[in-house]
Amino acid sequence: MRYLPLIWTAVMRKPMRTLLTLLSVAVAFILFGLMFGLNASFDIVVARARADRIFTGARFGNGNGGGIPIAVAHQIAAMPGVKVVTAVNFLPGYVQDSKYSVFLVMLDENARKVVEDWPIPAEVWNALHKDRTGIVMSKIQAARWHKKVGDTFTMISRAVKRADGSNTWTFKILAIGDDLPEQSNGYVLGNYDYIDKAKPLADQGKISEVDLLANDPATATELAQRIDQAFANSATPLNTTTDKMARSSKDFNGLDIKAITRGIALAGMFMVLFLTGNGIAESVRERFAEFATLKTIGFSDRAVTALVVLEAALPCILGAALGVGIAAIMAHQLPGLMPPGFGLPPPTVSPVLMLWAAASAFVVALLSAALPILRLTRMDIASALSGRA
């Protein structure tokens, strides 16, 4: 406690420098919180992914003719090691204006078995497949469109037209479901049979994706490879992946997101180290005679070291707390700012991450103070007092 007046006087000697250092540290720790929070979210999503679930789609675009023939799903269902298969159709579009995009996933009756871990009760699945125009919205999507159970939902799809030539699709909201961590923008689920029968005859029986479960989770990766090999020379080559791999940060457009985010966070830490290191070194140079005076009146090297470390730690720790706090607020706002289907889960700023931020801030403070401390321990007190040091 006796050091506090000395530390406060030191950091307020140049208030603008201290403020800029604090803000720079805060910016760096905003990056730290968001990047490592994103990594934590990927870990949560991967942990939730089912080891036996597999997704397969056309390797090139949407397959020949604008989709995968439903016969492909039947052939996959007959392969050894496959437990259950569901056919999936996507319905992309927008509401009123093209900038208000929406994405519907149309599922058949087997979907409930493939995604049984989703928080959708059996009665909702029953209603969805009984009412062909019914849809289930997650809470995020319901809040976005200001909808409730019983409301109608109308969208326009340029990619999928109806048999009568129109591109307007109208649905009835049957239920509002809980959100999923891996679905950062929420979800809208509909009836596969409805969209299939409503399309022109030439487009019926064509699907967007085949989802399935393996009999044995341990063989899921091998089964995914066999599916790709079986259709490699067909009219519709497939690209198959397990749920674990699909949720991995390395599956985002071929980029390793976790490696990128770690690099960004570390770059921020190097920026903090450079700024605080320069700041504390300059502060010590300006007060060299003062430190010599402190040593003269009885301050030990250990006491002087503590002063310098605490002076460096104050803006680092305060900036870290401010930065991670802002990151936590931003993490809650990001899903609403990202475009639908962006694919990245919102960052998870947990208490553990906050502890890591505090520890990192203190390590940066120690490293920043290392060279000034070394110079102070080797100072010639007489030269410093005379101003020649």
Protein backbone atom coordinates (compact mmCIF):
# COMPACT_ATOMS: atom_id res chain seq x y z
CA MET A 1 0.00 0.00 0.00
CA ARG A 2 2.88 2.40 0.68
CA TYR A 3 3.81 2.22 -3.02
CA LEU A 4 0.43 3.40 -4.29
CA PRO A 5 1.08 7.17 -4.07
CA LEU A 6 4.42 6.69 -5.87
CA ILE A 7 2.82 4.55 -8.58
CA TRP A 8 -0.07 6.96 -9.07
CA THR A 9 2.28 9.92 -9.33
CA ALA A 10 4.40 8.05 -11.87
CA VAL A 11 1.52 7.05 -14.17
CA MET A 12 -0.06 10.53 -13.97
CA ARG A 13 3.19 12.34 -14.74
CA LYS A 14 2.25 12.08 -18.42
CA PRO A 15 -1.55 11.51 -18.36
CA MET A 16 -1.91 11.55 -22.15
CA ARG A 17 0.74 8.88 -22.55
CA THR A 18 -0.93 6.80 -19.87
CA LEU A 19 -4.36 7.22 -21.49
CA LEU A 20 -3.10 6.23 -24.93
CA THR A 21 -1.32 3.22 -23.49
CA LEU A 22 -4.49 2.19 -21.65
CA LEU A 23 -6.60 2.51 -24.79
CA SER A 24 -4.06 0.59 -26.87
CA VAL A 25 -4.02 -2.21 -24.31
CA ALA A 26 -7.83 -2.25 -24.28
CA VAL A 27 -7.98 -2.58 -28.07
CA ALA A 28 -5.46 -5.43 -27.98
CA PHE A 29 -7.49 -7.25 -25.33
CA ILE A 30 -10.71 -6.74 -27.25
CA LEU A 31 -9.01 -8.76 -30.00
CA PHE A 32 -7.72 -11.20 -27.38
CA GLY A 33 -11.21 -11.72 -25.94
CA LEU A 34 -12.96 -12.08 -29.29
CA MET A 35 -10.33 -14.33 -30.88
CA PHE A 36 -9.82 -16.73 -27.99
CA GLY A 37 -13.55 -16.54 -27.25
CA LEU A 38 -14.17 -17.70 -30.81
CA ASN A 39 -11.76 -20.59 -30.27
CA ALA A 40 -13.64 -21.52 -27.10
CA SER A 41 -16.90 -21.50 -29.07
CA PHE A 42 -15.42 -23.84 -31.67
CA ASP A 43 -14.38 -26.22 -28.88
CA ILE A 44 -17.93 -26.17 -27.49
CA VAL A 45 -19.46 -26.75 -30.91
CA VAL A 46 -17.08 -29.64 -31.70
CA ALA A 47 -17.77 -31.18 -28.29
CA ARG A 48 -21.52 -31.07 -29.04
CA ALA A 49 -21.14 -32.56 -32.52
CA ARG A 50 -22.20 -36.19 -32.88
CA ALA A 51 -19.44 -38.61 -33.74
CA ASP A 52 -21.81 -40.74 -35.84
CA ARG A 53 -23.40 -37.97 -37.92
CA ILE A 54 -22.32 -37.42 -41.54
CA PHE A 55 -23.18 -34.76 -44.13
CA THR A 56 -22.80 -35.21 -47.87
CA GLY A 57 -23.45 -32.81 -50.74
CA ALA A 58 -22.49 -32.32 -54.35
CA ARG A 59 -18.75 -31.87 -54.81
CA PHE A 60 -19.24 -29.39 -57.64
CA GLY A 61 -21.93 -26.77 -57.13
CA ASN A 62 -25.38 -28.27 -56.65
CA GLY A 63 -24.79 -31.28 -58.82
CA ASN A 64 -25.87 -31.83 -62.40
CA GLY A 65 -29.27 -30.32 -63.15
CA GLY A 66 -29.28 -28.10 -60.07
CA GLY A 67 -29.43 -30.78 -57.38
CA ILE A 68 -28.57 -34.27 -56.18
CA PRO A 69 -31.00 -36.95 -57.40
CA ILE A 70 -33.03 -38.43 -54.55
CA ALA A 71 -31.86 -41.83 -55.81
CA VAL A 72 -28.42 -40.98 -54.40
CA ALA A 73 -29.93 -40.81 -50.91
CA HIS A 74 -31.55 -44.23 -51.44
CA GLN A 75 -28.24 -45.72 -52.60
CA ILE A 76 -26.42 -44.30 -49.57
CA ALA A 77 -29.13 -45.72 -47.29
CA ALA A 78 -28.39 -49.19 -48.71
CA MET A 79 -24.64 -49.00 -48.00
CA PRO A 80 -23.22 -51.14 -45.17
CA GLY A 81 -22.71 -49.20 -41.96
CA VAL A 82 -25.47 -46.64 -42.61
CA LYS A 83 -28.10 -46.44 -39.87
CA VAL A 84 -30.56 -43.84 -41.19
CA VAL A 85 -30.61 -41.29 -44.02
CA THR A 86 -32.52 -38.04 -44.40
CA ALA A 87 -32.97 -35.96 -47.57
CA VAL A 88 -32.50 -32.20 -47.19
CA ASN A 89 -33.52 -29.32 -49.45
CA PHE A 90 -32.36 -25.74 -49.00
CA LEU A 91 -34.62 -22.78 -49.70
CA PRO A 92 -32.58 -19.55 -49.79
CA GLY A 93 -34.28 -16.23 -50.31
CA TYR A 94 -35.25 -12.93 -48.74
CA VAL A 95 -38.11 -11.14 -47.07
CA GLN A 96 -39.44 -8.03 -48.89
CA ASP A 97 -35.98 -6.80 -49.89
CA SER A 98 -32.92 -8.75 -51.05
CA LYS A 99 -30.83 -7.32 -48.19
CA TYR A 100 -33.09 -9.14 -45.68
CA SER A 101 -31.93 -12.64 -46.51
CA VAL A 102 -33.30 -15.83 -45.01
CA PHE A 103 -32.41 -19.51 -45.34
CA LEU A 104 -34.83 -22.39 -44.82
CA VAL A 105 -33.82 -26.02 -44.35
CA MET A 106 -36.50 -28.41 -45.56
CA LEU A 107 -36.37 -31.83 -43.89
CA ASP A 108 -38.08 -35.16 -44.41
CA GLU A 109 -39.53 -37.41 -41.69
CA ASN A 110 -36.22 -39.18 -40.98
CA ALA A 111 -34.63 -35.87 -39.93
CA ARG A 112 -35.79 -36.25 -36.34
CA LYS A 113 -33.62 -39.38 -36.03
CA VAL A 114 -30.56 -37.75 -37.57
CA VAL A 115 -30.79 -34.55 -35.48
CA GLU A 116 -32.42 -36.01 -32.39
CA ASP A 117 -30.03 -33.96 -30.22
CA TRP A 118 -31.69 -30.74 -31.41
CA PRO A 119 -34.11 -29.19 -28.86
CA ILE A 120 -37.25 -29.95 -30.89
CA PRO A 121 -39.97 -32.00 -29.15
CA ALA A 122 -41.61 -34.97 -30.89
CA GLU A 123 -44.96 -33.17 -31.09
CA VAL A 124 -43.31 -30.34 -33.04
CA TRP A 125 -41.78 -32.81 -35.51
CA ASN A 126 -45.21 -34.44 -35.88
CA ALA A 127 -46.86 -31.08 -36.56
CA LEU A 128 -44.14 -30.11 -39.03
CA HIS A 129 -44.69 -33.21 -41.16
CA LYS A 130 -48.47 -33.12 -40.81
CA ASP A 131 -48.79 -29.47 -41.90
CA ARG A 132 -46.95 -29.23 -45.21
CA THR A 133 -46.72 -25.42 -45.09
CA GLY A 134 -45.60 -25.34 -41.46
CA ILE A 135 -42.16 -24.19 -40.28
CA VAL A 136 -40.24 -24.13 -37.02
CA MET A 137 -38.24 -20.98 -36.19
CA SER A 138 -35.53 -20.62 -33.60
CA LYS A 139 -35.79 -17.80 -31.08
CA ILE A 140 -33.13 -15.75 -32.88
CA GLN A 141 -35.00 -15.92 -36.18
CA ALA A 142 -38.38 -15.30 -34.54
CA ALA A 143 -36.99 -12.17 -32.86
CA ARG A 144 -35.40 -11.03 -36.12
CA TRP A 145 -38.68 -11.20 -38.05
CA HIS A 146 -40.90 -10.28 -35.06
CA LYS A 147 -42.89 -13.50 -35.39
CA LYS A 148 -44.83 -15.70 -33.01
CA VAL A 149 -46.55 -19.07 -33.21
CA GLY A 150 -49.48 -18.93 -35.63
CA ASP A 151 -48.12 -16.08 -37.75
CA THR A 152 -47.52 -16.44 -41.47
CA PHE A 153 -44.06 -16.04 -42.95
CA THR A 154 -43.64 -15.06 -46.60
CA MET A 155 -40.34 -15.13 -48.43
CA ILE A 156 -39.12 -14.77 -52.01
CA SER A 157 -36.63 -17.24 -53.49
CA ARG A 158 -34.98 -16.47 -56.81
CA ALA A 159 -33.12 -19.79 -56.70
CA VAL A 160 -36.17 -22.04 -56.20
CA LYS A 161 -39.34 -21.38 -58.20
CA ARG A 162 -42.75 -22.98 -57.83
CA ALA A 163 -44.44 -25.02 -60.52
CA ASP A 164 -46.73 -22.08 -61.37
CA GLY A 165 -43.66 -19.90 -62.09
CA SER A 166 -43.91 -17.76 -58.97
CA ASN A 167 -41.04 -17.41 -56.50
CA THR A 168 -43.10 -16.51 -53.43
CA TRP A 169 -43.33 -19.03 -50.61
CA THR A 170 -45.74 -18.62 -47.68
CA PHE A 171 -45.53 -20.65 -44.47
CA LYS A 172 -47.25 -20.91 -41.10
CA ILE A 173 -45.14 -20.79 -37.93
CA LEU A 174 -45.93 -23.91 -35.90
CA ALA A 175 -43.38 -23.49 -33.10
CA ILE A 176 -40.49 -21.38 -31.79
CA GLY A 177 -37.54 -23.63 -30.95
CA ASP A 178 -34.51 -23.13 -28.73
CA ASP A 179 -31.34 -21.94 -30.42
CA LEU A 180 -28.21 -24.01 -30.99
CA PRO A 181 -24.62 -22.84 -30.29
CA GLU A 182 -23.50 -23.98 -33.75
CA GLN A 183 -26.32 -22.04 -35.44
CA SER A 184 -25.22 -18.48 -34.65
CA ASN A 185 -27.99 -16.95 -36.79
CA GLY A 186 -30.66 -19.37 -35.70
CA TYR A 187 -32.59 -21.71 -38.00
CA VAL A 188 -35.85 -22.11 -39.89
CA LEU A 189 -36.99 -25.67 -40.61
CA GLY A 190 -39.70 -26.72 -43.05
CA ASN A 191 -41.30 -29.72 -44.72
CA TYR A 192 -39.21 -31.37 -47.46
CA ASP A 193 -42.19 -32.97 -49.17
CA TYR A 194 -43.93 -29.60 -49.54
CA ILE A 195 -41.08 -27.89 -51.37
CA ASP A 196 -40.38 -30.96 -53.49
CA LYS A 197 -43.97 -31.29 -54.73
CA ALA A 198 -44.35 -27.54 -55.23
CA LYS A 199 -41.41 -27.30 -57.65
CA PRO A 200 -41.69 -27.86 -61.42
CA LEU A 201 -41.86 -31.53 -62.35
CA ALA A 202 -38.35 -31.46 -63.85
CA ASP A 203 -36.92 -30.27 -60.52
CA GLN A 204 -38.76 -32.70 -58.28
CA GLY A 205 -36.71 -35.47 -56.74
CA LYS A 206 -33.59 -33.30 -56.56
CA ILE A 207 -32.16 -32.50 -53.15
CA SER A 208 -29.46 -30.22 -51.73
CA GLU A 209 -27.84 -32.57 -49.21
CA VAL A 210 -27.96 -36.04 -47.69
CA ASP A 211 -27.51 -36.34 -43.92
CA LEU A 212 -27.07 -39.67 -42.21
CA LEU A 213 -26.01 -41.57 -39.11
CA ALA A 214 -23.40 -44.31 -39.03
CA ASN A 215 -24.11 -47.53 -37.14
CA ASP A 216 -20.79 -47.19 -35.34
CA PRO A 217 -19.39 -43.73 -34.46
CA ALA A 218 -15.87 -45.16 -34.71
CA THR A 219 -16.38 -45.92 -38.41
CA ALA A 220 -17.96 -42.57 -39.37
CA THR A 221 -14.81 -41.18 -41.00
CA GLU A 222 -14.22 -44.40 -42.95
CA LEU A 223 -17.89 -44.47 -44.02
CA ALA A 224 -17.65 -40.87 -45.27
CA GLN A 225 -14.65 -41.86 -47.40
CA ARG A 226 -16.50 -44.88 -48.81
CA ILE A 227 -19.45 -42.70 -49.81
CA ASP A 228 -17.18 -40.33 -51.73
CA GLN A 229 -15.39 -43.23 -53.40
CA ALA A 230 -18.67 -44.90 -54.41
CA PHE A 231 -19.84 -41.78 -56.27
CA ALA A 232 -16.46 -40.49 -57.47
CA ASN A 233 -17.12 -41.50 -61.10
CA SER A 234 -20.87 -40.92 -61.08
CA ALA A 235 -22.81 -38.07 -62.65
CA THR A 236 -22.96 -36.48 -59.18
CA PRO A 237 -19.62 -36.73 -57.33
CA LEU A 238 -20.07 -36.11 -53.61
CA ASN A 239 -18.18 -34.31 -50.86
CA THR A 240 -18.79 -36.03 -47.53
CA THR A 241 -17.68 -34.99 -44.06
CA THR A 242 -18.40 -35.98 -40.48
CA ASP A 243 -20.23 -33.69 -38.09
CA LYS A 244 -17.05 -33.34 -36.01
CA MET A 245 -15.03 -32.17 -38.99
CA ALA A 246 -17.82 -29.93 -40.31
CA ARG A 247 -17.94 -28.13 -36.96
CA SER A 248 -14.16 -27.85 -36.75
CA SER A 249 -12.52 -24.46 -37.23
CA LYS A 250 -10.43 -26.01 -40.03
CA ASP A 251 -13.50 -26.59 -42.19
CA PHE A 252 -14.38 -22.91 -42.72
CA ASN A 253 -13.73 -22.48 -46.44
CA GLY A 254 -10.51 -24.49 -46.08
CA LEU A 255 -9.06 -22.09 -43.51
CA ASP A 256 -7.90 -22.99 -40.02
CA ILE A 257 -9.83 -20.31 -38.15
CA LYS A 258 -8.35 -21.21 -34.76
CA ALA A 259 -4.80 -20.77 -36.07
CA ILE A 260 -5.75 -17.43 -37.62
CA THR A 261 -7.44 -16.16 -34.46
CA ARG A 262 -4.48 -17.21 -32.31
CA GLY A 263 -2.19 -15.30 -34.66
CA ILE A 264 -4.35 -12.18 -34.43
CA ALA A 265 -4.49 -12.38 -30.64
CA LEU A 266 -0.73 -12.87 -30.36
CA ALA A 267 -0.14 -9.94 -32.72
CA GLY A 268 -2.22 -7.84 -30.34
CA MET A 269 -0.11 -9.01 -27.40
CA PHE A 270 3.11 -8.07 -29.22
CA MET A 271 1.62 -4.64 -29.89
CA VAL A 272 0.88 -4.23 -26.19
CA LEU A 273 4.36 -5.43 -25.26
CA PHE A 274 5.95 -2.93 -27.66
CA LEU A 275 3.84 0.01 -26.46
CA THR A 276 4.08 -0.66 -22.74
CA GLY A 277 7.76 -1.54 -23.04
CA ASN A 278 8.51 1.78 -24.73
CA GLY A 279 6.30 3.66 -22.30
CA ILE A 280 7.81 2.23 -19.14
CA ALA A 281 11.37 2.56 -20.50
CA GLU A 282 10.77 6.24 -21.27
CA SER A 283 9.17 6.80 -17.89
CA VAL A 284 12.16 5.25 -16.10
CA ARG A 285 14.63 7.32 -18.16
CA GLU A 286 12.80 10.50 -17.22
CA ARG A 287 12.96 9.63 -13.51
CA PHE A 288 16.38 8.05 -13.26
CA ALA A 289 17.53 10.57 -10.66
CA GLU A 290 14.35 9.95 -8.65
CA PHE A 291 15.03 6.22 -8.52
CA ALA A 292 18.60 6.97 -7.43
CA THR A 293 17.18 9.12 -4.63
CA LEU A 294 14.87 6.30 -3.55
CA LYS A 295 17.85 3.95 -3.39
CA THR A 296 19.79 6.52 -1.40
CA ILE A 297 17.09 6.77 1.27
CA GLY A 298 16.93 2.99 1.67
CA PHE A 299 14.80 1.47 -1.09
CA SER A 300 16.22 -1.90 -2.05
CA ASP A 301 16.54 -3.25 -5.60
CA ARG A 302 13.54 -5.46 -4.83
CA ALA A 303 11.43 -2.46 -3.79
CA VAL A 304 12.42 -0.48 -6.89
CA THR A 305 11.64 -3.52 -9.06
CA ALA A 306 8.20 -3.78 -7.48
CA LEU A 307 7.54 -0.12 -8.22
CA VAL A 308 8.44 -0.46 -11.89
CA VAL A 309 6.47 -3.71 -12.33
CA LEU A 310 3.37 -2.25 -10.69
CA GLU A 311 3.68 0.90 -12.79
CA ALA A 312 3.74 -1.26 -15.92
CA ALA A 313 1.01 -3.57 -14.63
CA LEU A 314 -1.53 -0.84 -13.85
CA PRO A 315 -2.40 0.15 -17.45
CA CYS A 316 -2.00 -3.46 -18.61
CA ILE A 317 -4.44 -4.95 -16.12
CA LEU A 318 -6.93 -2.08 -16.33
CA GLY A 319 -6.74 -2.19 -20.13
CA ALA A 320 -7.20 -5.96 -20.10
CA ALA A 321 -10.29 -5.69 -17.88
CA LEU A 322 -11.74 -2.96 -20.08
CA GLY A 323 -10.91 -4.79 -23.33
CA VAL A 324 -12.29 -8.18 -22.27
CA GLY A 325 -15.41 -6.50 -20.87
CA ILE A 326 -16.04 -4.79 -24.21
CA ALA A 327 -15.33 -8.09 -25.99
CA ALA A 328 -17.99 -9.80 -23.85
CA ILE A 329 -20.54 -7.14 -24.83
CA MET A 330 -19.57 -7.35 -28.50
CA ALA A 331 -19.85 -11.16 -28.43
CA HIS A 332 -23.57 -10.85 -27.64
CA GLN A 333 -24.09 -8.34 -30.44
CA LEU A 334 -22.12 -10.08 -33.20
CA PRO A 335 -24.79 -12.66 -34.24
CA GLY A 336 -27.17 -9.85 -35.15
CA LEU A 337 -24.49 -8.07 -37.17
CA MET A 338 -23.30 -11.08 -39.16
CA PRO A 339 -25.03 -12.08 -42.41
CA PRO A 340 -27.24 -15.21 -42.27
CA GLY A 341 -25.32 -18.40 -42.87
CA PHE A 342 -21.99 -16.76 -41.99
CA GLY A 343 -21.03 -19.98 -40.24
CA LEU A 344 -19.01 -18.71 -37.28
CA PRO A 345 -20.38 -19.21 -33.76
CA PRO A 346 -20.42 -16.16 -31.46
CA PRO A 347 -17.35 -15.86 -29.18
CA THR A 348 -17.66 -17.30 -25.68
CA VAL A 349 -16.09 -14.93 -23.15
CA SER A 350 -15.97 -17.12 -20.05
CA PRO A 351 -14.51 -16.51 -16.56
CA VAL A 352 -11.60 -18.77 -17.53
CA LEU A 353 -10.84 -16.51 -20.49
CA MET A 354 -10.91 -13.49 -18.20
CA LEU A 355 -8.37 -15.16 -15.89
CA TRP A 356 -6.14 -15.90 -18.90
CA ALA A 357 -6.43 -12.26 -19.95
CA ALA A 358 -5.39 -11.07 -16.47
CA ALA A 359 -2.44 -13.49 -16.44
CA SER A 360 -1.40 -12.40 -19.93
CA ALA A 361 -1.60 -8.74 -18.92
CA PHE A 362 0.67 -9.37 -15.94
CA VAL A 363 3.17 -11.32 -18.06
CA VAL A 364 3.23 -8.45 -20.57
CA ALA A 365 3.84 -6.03 -17.69
CA LEU A 366 6.75 -8.14 -16.42
CA LEU A 367 8.33 -8.35 -19.86
CA SER A 368 7.82 -4.63 -20.45
CA ALA A 369 9.55 -3.80 -17.18
CA ALA A 370 12.43 -6.26 -17.60
CA LEU A 371 14.95 -3.98 -19.38
CA PRO A 372 14.22 -0.85 -17.29
CA ILE A 373 14.61 -2.96 -14.13
CA LEU A 374 17.91 -4.35 -15.38
CA ARG A 375 19.16 -0.82 -15.99
CA LEU A 376 18.03 0.34 -12.53
CA THR A 377 19.77 -2.53 -10.76
CA ARG A 378 23.02 -1.65 -12.53
CA MET A 379 22.78 2.12 -12.04
CA ASP A 380 25.59 4.17 -10.58
CA ILE A 381 23.78 6.16 -7.91
CA ALA A 382 26.31 9.00 -7.88
CA SER A 383 26.19 9.40 -11.66
CA ALA A 384 22.38 9.26 -11.62
CA LEU A 385 22.10 11.92 -8.91
CA SER A 386 24.48 14.17 -10.81
CA GLY A 387 22.46 13.76 -14.00
CA ARG A 388 25.27 12.05 -15.89
CA ALA A 389 23.61 8.61 -16.13
